PDB file of N, CA and C in Angstrom:
ATOM      1  N   MET A   1       7.277   6.724  10.428  1.00  0.00           N
ATOM      2  CA  MET A   1       7.177   5.328   9.952  1.00  0.00           C
ATOM      3  C   MET A   1       8.584   4.826   9.784  1.00  0.00           C
ATOM      4  N   THR A   2       8.800   3.578  10.210  1.00  0.00           N
ATOM      5  CA  THR A   2      10.079   2.970  10.035  1.00  0.00           C
ATOM      6  C   THR A   2      10.289   2.591   8.640  1.00  0.00           C
ATOM      7  N   SER A   3      11.577   2.470   8.300  1.00  0.00           N
ATOM      8  CA  SER A   3      12.024   2.082   6.940  1.00  0.00           C
ATOM      9  C   SER A   3      12.711   0.833   6.908  1.00  0.00           C
ATOM     10  N   THR A   4      12.422  -0.033   5.917  1.00  0.00           N
ATOM     11  CA  THR A   4      13.127  -1.363   5.842  1.00  0.00           C
ATOM     12  C   THR A   4      13.714  -1.429   4.502  1.00  0.00           C
ATOM     13  N   GLU A   5      14.908  -1.834   4.422  1.00  0.00           N
ATOM     14  CA  GLU A   5      15.519  -1.971   3.035  1.00  0.00           C
ATOM     15  C   GLU A   5      15.502  -3.410   2.737  1.00  0.00           C
ATOM     16  N   ILE A   6      15.032  -3.756   1.494  1.00  0.00           N
ATOM     17  CA  ILE A   6      14.937  -5.130   0.964  1.00  0.00           C
ATOM     18  C   ILE A   6      15.701  -5.208  -0.386  1.00  0.00           C
ATOM     19  N   GLN A   7      16.219  -6.384  -0.665  1.00  0.00           N
ATOM     20  CA  GLN A   7      16.909  -6.573  -1.920  1.00  0.00           C
ATOM     21  C   GLN A   7      15.942  -7.076  -2.906  1.00  0.00           C
ATOM     22  N   LEU A   8      15.982  -6.489  -4.093  1.00  0.00           N
ATOM     23  CA  LEU A   8      15.071  -6.892  -5.180  1.00  0.00           C
ATOM     24  C   LEU A   8      15.941  -7.545  -6.386  1.00  0.00           C
ATOM     25  N   THR A   9      15.305  -8.593  -6.888  1.00  0.00           N
ATOM     26  CA  THR A   9      15.922  -9.113  -8.144  1.00  0.00           C
ATOM     27  C   THR A   9      15.695  -8.095  -9.277  1.00  0.00           C
ATOM     28  N   ASP A  10      16.332  -8.256 -10.399  1.00  0.00           N
ATOM     29  CA  ASP A  10      16.146  -7.408 -11.556  1.00  0.00           C
ATOM     30  C   ASP A  10      14.681  -7.511 -12.013  1.00  0.00           C
ATOM     31  N   ALA A  11      14.211  -8.711 -12.047  1.00  0.00           N
ATOM     32  CA  ALA A  11      12.787  -8.887 -12.511  1.00  0.00           C
ATOM     33  C   ALA A  11      11.829  -8.132 -11.641  1.00  0.00           C
ATOM     34  N   GLU A  12      12.045  -8.242 -10.262  1.00  0.00           N
ATOM     35  CA  GLU A  12      11.135  -7.613  -9.331  1.00  0.00           C
ATOM     36  C   GLU A  12      11.255  -6.101  -9.492  1.00  0.00           C
ATOM     37  N   HIS A  13      12.392  -5.598  -9.626  1.00  0.00           N
ATOM     38  CA  HIS A  13      12.637  -4.204  -9.869  1.00  0.00           C
ATOM     39  C   HIS A  13      11.896  -3.711 -11.119  1.00  0.00           C
ATOM     40  N   ASP A  14      11.940  -4.505 -12.145  1.00  0.00           N
ATOM     41  CA  ASP A  14      11.274  -4.103 -13.424  1.00  0.00           C
ATOM     42  C   ASP A  14       9.786  -4.036 -13.283  1.00  0.00           C
ATOM     43  N   VAL A  15       9.241  -4.990 -12.477  1.00  0.00           N
ATOM     44  CA  VAL A  15       7.736  -5.005 -12.290  1.00  0.00           C
ATOM     45  C   VAL A  15       7.383  -3.744 -11.497  1.00  0.00           C
ATOM     46  N   PHE A  16       8.067  -3.435 -10.410  1.00  0.00           N
ATOM     47  CA  PHE A  16       7.866  -2.203  -9.603  1.00  0.00           C
ATOM     48  C   PHE A  16       8.045  -0.933 -10.413  1.00  0.00           C
ATOM     49  N   ASP A  17       9.063  -0.898 -11.285  1.00  0.00           N
ATOM     50  CA  ASP A  17       9.284   0.236 -12.104  1.00  0.00           C
ATOM     51  C   ASP A  17       8.104   0.428 -13.112  1.00  0.00           C
ATOM     52  N   ARG A  18       7.629  -0.721 -13.607  1.00  0.00           N
ATOM     53  CA  ARG A  18       6.391  -0.542 -14.522  1.00  0.00           C
ATOM     54  C   ARG A  18       5.211   0.011 -13.823  1.00  0.00           C
ATOM     55  N   VAL A  19       4.998  -0.485 -12.569  1.00  0.00           N
ATOM     56  CA  VAL A  19       3.881   0.047 -11.821  1.00  0.00           C
ATOM     57  C   VAL A  19       4.129   1.567 -11.512  1.00  0.00           C
ATOM     58  N   ARG A  20       5.348   1.874 -11.136  1.00  0.00           N
ATOM     59  CA  ARG A  20       5.645   3.326 -11.022  1.00  0.00           C
ATOM     60  C   ARG A  20       5.329   4.202 -12.124  1.00  0.00           C
ATOM     61  N   ARG A  21       5.757   3.813 -13.338  1.00  0.00           N
ATOM     62  CA  ARG A  21       5.396   4.577 -14.483  1.00  0.00           C
ATOM     63  C   ARG A  21       3.901   4.603 -14.795  1.00  0.00           C
ATOM     64  N   GLU A  22       3.182   3.420 -14.688  1.00  0.00           N
ATOM     65  CA  GLU A  22       1.756   3.480 -14.966  1.00  0.00           C
ATOM     66  C   GLU A  22       0.994   4.278 -13.979  1.00  0.00           C
ATOM     67  N   GLN A  23       1.441   4.360 -12.716  1.00  0.00           N
ATOM     68  CA  GLN A  23       0.716   5.124 -11.743  1.00  0.00           C
ATOM     69  C   GLN A  23       1.261   6.616 -11.639  1.00  0.00           C
ATOM     70  N   GLY A  24       2.306   6.935 -12.365  1.00  0.00           N
ATOM     71  CA  GLY A  24       2.855   8.254 -12.280  1.00  0.00           C
ATOM     72  C   GLY A  24       3.592   8.635 -11.035  1.00  0.00           C
ATOM     73  N   LEU A  25       4.184   7.608 -10.376  1.00  0.00           N
ATOM     74  CA  LEU A  25       4.836   7.891  -9.066  1.00  0.00           C
ATOM     75  C   LEU A  25       6.257   8.271  -9.263  1.00  0.00           C
ATOM     76  N   ALA A  26       6.794   8.844  -8.271  1.00  0.00           N
ATOM     77  CA  ALA A  26       8.177   9.404  -8.309  1.00  0.00           C
ATOM     78  C   ALA A  26       9.314   8.284  -8.368  1.00  0.00           C
ATOM     79  N   ASP A  27       9.175   7.251  -7.457  1.00  0.00           N
ATOM     80  CA  ASP A  27      10.150   6.282  -7.400  1.00  0.00           C
ATOM     81  C   ASP A  27       9.606   4.824  -7.018  1.00  0.00           C
ATOM     82  N   VAL A  28      10.389   3.875  -7.091  1.00  0.00           N
ATOM     83  CA  VAL A  28       9.984   2.471  -6.797  1.00  0.00           C
ATOM     84  C   VAL A  28       9.503   2.264  -5.493  1.00  0.00           C
ATOM     85  N   ALA A  29      10.046   3.031  -4.490  1.00  0.00           N
ATOM     86  CA  ALA A  29       9.534   2.906  -3.056  1.00  0.00           C
ATOM     87  C   ALA A  29       8.007   3.362  -3.072  1.00  0.00           C
ATOM     88  N   GLU A  30       7.692   4.373  -3.803  1.00  0.00           N
ATOM     89  CA  GLU A  30       6.273   4.847  -3.849  1.00  0.00           C
ATOM     90  C   GLU A  30       5.474   3.832  -4.479  1.00  0.00           C
ATOM     91  N   ALA A  31       5.986   3.201  -5.534  1.00  0.00           N
ATOM     92  CA  ALA A  31       5.212   2.124  -6.223  1.00  0.00           C
ATOM     93  C   ALA A  31       4.976   0.932  -5.198  1.00  0.00           C
ATOM     94  N   ILE A  32       5.962   0.516  -4.475  1.00  0.00           N
ATOM     95  CA  ILE A  32       5.681  -0.521  -3.542  1.00  0.00           C
ATOM     96  C   ILE A  32       4.711  -0.131  -2.412  1.00  0.00           C
ATOM     97  N   GLU A  33       4.804   1.029  -2.020  1.00  0.00           N
ATOM     98  CA  GLU A  33       3.816   1.531  -0.987  1.00  0.00           C
ATOM     99  C   GLU A  33       2.387   1.605  -1.593  1.00  0.00           C
ATOM    100  N   TRP A  34       2.295   1.996  -2.822  1.00  0.00           N
ATOM    101  CA  TRP A  34       0.974   2.085  -3.521  1.00  0.00           C
ATOM    102  C   TRP A  34       0.433   0.682  -3.622  1.00  0.00           C
ATOM    103  N   LEU A  35       1.294  -0.323  -4.031  1.00  0.00           N
ATOM    104  CA  LEU A  35       0.822  -1.724  -4.089  1.00  0.00           C
ATOM    105  C   LEU A  35       0.319  -2.270  -2.795  1.00  0.00           C
ATOM    106  N   VAL A  36       1.067  -1.954  -1.701  1.00  0.00           N
ATOM    107  CA  VAL A  36       0.758  -2.453  -0.383  1.00  0.00           C
ATOM    108  C   VAL A  36      -0.567  -1.915   0.047  1.00  0.00           C
ATOM    109  N   ARG A  37      -0.807  -0.573  -0.090  1.00  0.00           N
ATOM    110  CA  ARG A  37      -2.048   0.074   0.278  1.00  0.00           C
ATOM    111  C   ARG A  37      -3.196  -0.437  -0.519  1.00  0.00           C
ATOM    112  N   THR A  38      -2.985  -0.667  -1.788  1.00  0.00           N
ATOM    113  CA  THR A  38      -4.064  -1.180  -2.677  1.00  0.00           C
ATOM    114  C   THR A  38      -4.502  -2.610  -2.210  1.00  0.00           C
ATOM    115  N   ARG A  39      -3.485  -3.385  -1.848  1.00  0.00           N
ATOM    116  CA  ARG A  39      -3.798  -4.741  -1.411  1.00  0.00           C
ATOM    117  C   ARG A  39      -4.507  -4.674  -0.027  1.00  0.00           C
ATOM    118  N   LEU A  40      -4.031  -3.876   0.842  1.00  0.00           N
ATOM    119  CA  LEU A  40      -4.703  -3.748   2.144  1.00  0.00           C
ATOM    120  C   LEU A  40      -6.188  -3.285   1.991  1.00  0.00           C
ATOM    121  N   ARG A  41      -6.455  -2.330   1.137  1.00  0.00           N
ATOM    122  CA  ARG A  41      -7.869  -1.850   0.888  1.00  0.00           C
ATOM    123  C   ARG A  41      -8.706  -3.039   0.375  1.00  0.00           C
ATOM    124  N   LYS A  42      -8.144  -3.839  -0.539  1.00  0.00           N
ATOM    125  CA  LYS A  42      -8.912  -4.921  -1.147  1.00  0.00           C
ATOM    126  C   LYS A  42      -9.216  -5.995  -0.060  1.00  0.00           C
ATOM    127  N   GLY A  43      -8.200  -6.226   0.812  1.00  0.00           N
ATOM    128  CA  GLY A  43      -8.374  -7.207   1.851  1.00  0.00           C
ATOM    129  C   GLY A  43      -9.487  -6.801   2.828  1.00  0.00           C
ATOM    130  N   ILE A  44      -9.331  -5.474   3.228  1.00  0.00           N
ATOM    131  CA  ILE A  44     -10.366  -4.854   4.153  1.00  0.00           C
ATOM    132  C   ILE A  44     -11.840  -4.959   3.578  1.00  0.00           C
ATOM    133  N   GLU A  45     -11.852  -4.623   2.238  1.00  0.00           N
ATOM    134  CA  GLU A  45     -13.146  -4.711   1.596  1.00  0.00           C
ATOM    135  C   GLU A  45     -13.611  -6.166   1.579  1.00  0.00           C
ATOM    136  N   HIS A  46     -12.828  -7.160   1.390  1.00  0.00           N
ATOM    137  CA  HIS A  46     -13.180  -8.540   1.388  1.00  0.00           C
ATOM    138  C   HIS A  46     -13.689  -8.915   2.681  1.00  0.00           C
ATOM    139  N   ILE A  47     -13.002  -8.556   3.751  1.00  0.00           N
ATOM    140  CA  ILE A  47     -13.418  -8.892   5.208  1.00  0.00           C
ATOM    141  C   ILE A  47     -14.667  -8.188   5.574  1.00  0.00           C
ATOM    142  N   THR A  48     -14.805  -6.881   5.403  1.00  0.00           N
ATOM    143  CA  THR A  48     -15.952  -6.174   5.807  1.00  0.00           C
ATOM    144  C   THR A  48     -17.115  -6.030   4.897  1.00  0.00           C
ATOM    145  N   GLY A  49     -16.782  -6.246   3.568  1.00  0.00           N
ATOM    146  CA  GLY A  49     -17.821  -6.078   2.644  1.00  0.00           C
ATOM    147  C   GLY A  49     -18.042  -4.658   2.258  1.00  0.00           C
ATOM    148  N   ARG A  50     -17.194  -3.777   2.731  1.00  0.00           N
ATOM    149  CA  ARG A  50     -17.332  -2.339   2.509  1.00  0.00           C
ATOM    150  C   ARG A  50     -16.039  -1.722   1.917  1.00  0.00           C
ATOM    151  N   ARG A  51     -16.212  -0.687   1.080  1.00  0.00           N
ATOM    152  CA  ARG A  51     -15.073  -0.023   0.487  1.00  0.00           C
ATOM    153  C   ARG A  51     -14.686   1.130   1.390  1.00  0.00           C
ATOM    154  N   ARG A  52     -13.706   0.930   2.318  1.00  0.00           N
ATOM    155  CA  ARG A  52     -13.225   2.017   3.198  1.00  0.00           C
ATOM    156  C   ARG A  52     -11.863   1.688   3.545  1.00  0.00           C
ATOM    157  N   GLY A  53     -11.101   2.696   3.870  1.00  0.00           N
ATOM    158  CA  GLY A  53      -9.758   2.584   4.341  1.00  0.00           C
ATOM    159  C   GLY A  53      -9.644   2.294   5.835  1.00  0.00           C
ATOM    160  N   PRO A  54      -8.657   1.842   6.320  1.00  0.00           N
ATOM    161  CA  PRO A  54      -8.467   1.683   7.751  1.00  0.00           C
ATOM    162  C   PRO A  54      -8.429   3.060   8.488  1.00  0.00           C
ATOM    163  N   ARG A  55      -9.070   3.144   9.679  1.00  0.00           N
ATOM    164  CA  ARG A  55      -9.088   4.415  10.457  1.00  0.00           C
ATOM    165  C   ARG A  55      -8.735   4.121  11.822  1.00  0.00           C
ATOM    166  N   LEU A  56      -8.005   5.036  12.398  1.00  0.00           N
ATOM    167  CA  LEU A  56      -7.693   4.942  13.859  1.00  0.00           C
ATOM    168  C   LEU A  56      -8.982   5.142  14.663  1.00  0.00           C
ATOM    169  N   VAL A  57      -9.148   4.375  15.693  1.00  0.00           N
ATOM    170  CA  VAL A  57     -10.189   4.513  16.680  1.00  0.00           C
ATOM    171  C   VAL A  57      -9.689   4.752  18.044  1.00  0.00           C
ATOM    172  N   ALA A  58     -10.117   5.796  18.668  1.00  0.00           N
ATOM    173  CA  ALA A  58      -9.820   6.093  20.077  1.00  0.00           C
ATOM    174  C   ALA A  58     -10.551   5.238  20.990  1.00  0.00           C
ATOM    175  N   SER A  59     -10.112   5.076  22.272  1.00  0.00           N
ATOM    176  CA  SER A  59     -10.915   4.298  23.192  1.00  0.00           C
ATOM    177  C   SER A  59     -12.283   4.947  23.364  1.00  0.00           C
ATOM    178  N   GLY A  60     -13.237   4.149  23.621  1.00  0.00           N
ATOM    179  CA  GLY A  60     -14.649   4.660  23.635  1.00  0.00           C
ATOM    180  C   GLY A  60     -15.357   4.650  22.347  1.00  0.00           C
ATOM    181  N   GLY A  61     -14.635   4.248  21.292  1.00  0.00           N
ATOM    182  CA  GLY A  61     -15.254   4.042  19.935  1.00  0.00           C
ATOM    183  C   GLY A  61     -15.360   5.386  19.136  1.00  0.00           C
ATOM    184  N   LYS A  62     -14.699   6.405  19.601  1.00  0.00           N
ATOM    185  CA  LYS A  62     -14.770   7.632  18.857  1.00  0.00           C
ATOM    186  C   LYS A  62     -13.626   7.775  17.909  1.00  0.00           C
ATOM    187  N   ARG A  63     -13.887   8.294  16.683  1.00  0.00           N
ATOM    188  CA  ARG A  63     -12.827   8.448  15.619  1.00  0.00           C
ATOM    189  C   ARG A  63     -11.995   9.615  16.038  1.00  0.00           C
ATOM    190  N   GLN A  64     -10.689   9.443  15.662  1.00  0.00           N
ATOM    191  CA  GLN A  64      -9.775  10.592  15.907  1.00  0.00           C
ATOM    192  C   GLN A  64      -9.715  11.473  14.756  1.00  0.00           C
TER     193      GLN A  64
END
Protein backbone atom coordinates (compact mmCIF):
# COMPACT_ATOMS: atom_id res chain seq x y z
CA MET A 1 0.00 0.00 0.00
CA THR A 2 1.33 3.43 -0.82
CA SER A 3 1.77 6.00 1.90
CA THR A 4 0.77 9.64 1.67
CA GLU A 5 1.78 12.27 4.17
CA ILE A 6 -0.74 15.01 4.91
CA GLN A 7 -0.48 18.07 7.10
CA LEU A 8 -3.01 18.25 9.95
CA THR A 9 -4.10 21.26 11.92
CA ASP A 10 -3.97 20.99 15.70
CA ALA A 11 -7.76 20.67 15.80
CA GLU A 12 -7.75 17.84 13.24
CA HIS A 13 -4.98 16.03 15.10
CA ASP A 14 -6.97 16.34 18.35
CA VAL A 15 -10.03 14.77 16.70
CA PHE A 16 -8.01 11.88 15.27
CA ASP A 17 -6.26 11.39 18.62
CA ARG A 18 -9.64 11.21 20.39
CA VAL A 19 -10.78 8.55 17.90
CA ARG A 20 -7.50 6.69 18.46
CA ARG A 21 -8.08 6.57 22.22
CA GLU A 22 -11.77 5.64 21.93
CA GLN A 23 -11.00 2.76 19.54
CA GLY A 24 -7.86 1.61 21.38
CA LEU A 25 -5.60 2.12 18.36
CA ALA A 26 -1.81 2.49 18.44
CA ASP A 27 -1.44 5.80 16.58
CA VAL A 28 -3.21 8.56 14.67
CA ALA A 29 -2.49 6.87 11.31
CA GLU A 30 -4.46 3.81 12.45
CA ALA A 31 -7.30 6.08 13.57
CA ILE A 32 -7.43 7.71 10.13
CA GLU A 33 -7.40 4.30 8.44
CA TRP A 34 -10.17 3.08 10.77
CA LEU A 35 -12.30 6.13 9.93
CA VAL A 36 -11.78 5.65 6.18
CA ARG A 37 -12.67 1.95 6.33
CA THR A 38 -15.76 2.69 8.41
CA ARG A 39 -16.91 5.33 5.93
CA LEU A 40 -16.31 3.01 2.98
CA ARG A 41 -18.35 0.24 4.64
CA LYS A 42 -21.23 2.64 5.30
CA GLY A 43 -21.10 3.91 1.71
CA ILE A 44 -21.11 0.38 0.30
CA GLU A 45 -24.01 -0.55 2.58
CA HIS A 46 -25.93 2.50 1.37
CA ILE A 47 -25.29 1.63 -2.30
CA THR A 48 -25.92 -2.13 -2.09
CA GLY A 49 -28.34 -2.28 0.81
CA ARG A 50 -26.15 -4.98 2.37
CA ARG A 51 -23.63 -5.01 5.18
CA ARG A 52 -20.48 -6.38 3.63
CA GLY A 53 -16.96 -5.27 2.97
CA PRO A 54 -15.43 -4.88 -0.46
CA ARG A 55 -14.00 -8.08 -1.89
CA LEU A 56 -11.68 -8.75 -4.81
CA VAL A 57 -13.30 -10.55 -7.69
CA ALA A 58 -11.29 -12.51 -10.26
CA SER A 59 -12.29 -12.61 -13.91
CA GLY A 60 -15.15 -15.01 -14.45
CA GLY A 61 -16.90 -13.84 -11.29
CA LYS A 62 -15.06 -16.15 -8.91
CA ARG A 63 -13.89 -14.80 -5.55
CA GLN A 64 -10.19 -14.92 -4.78
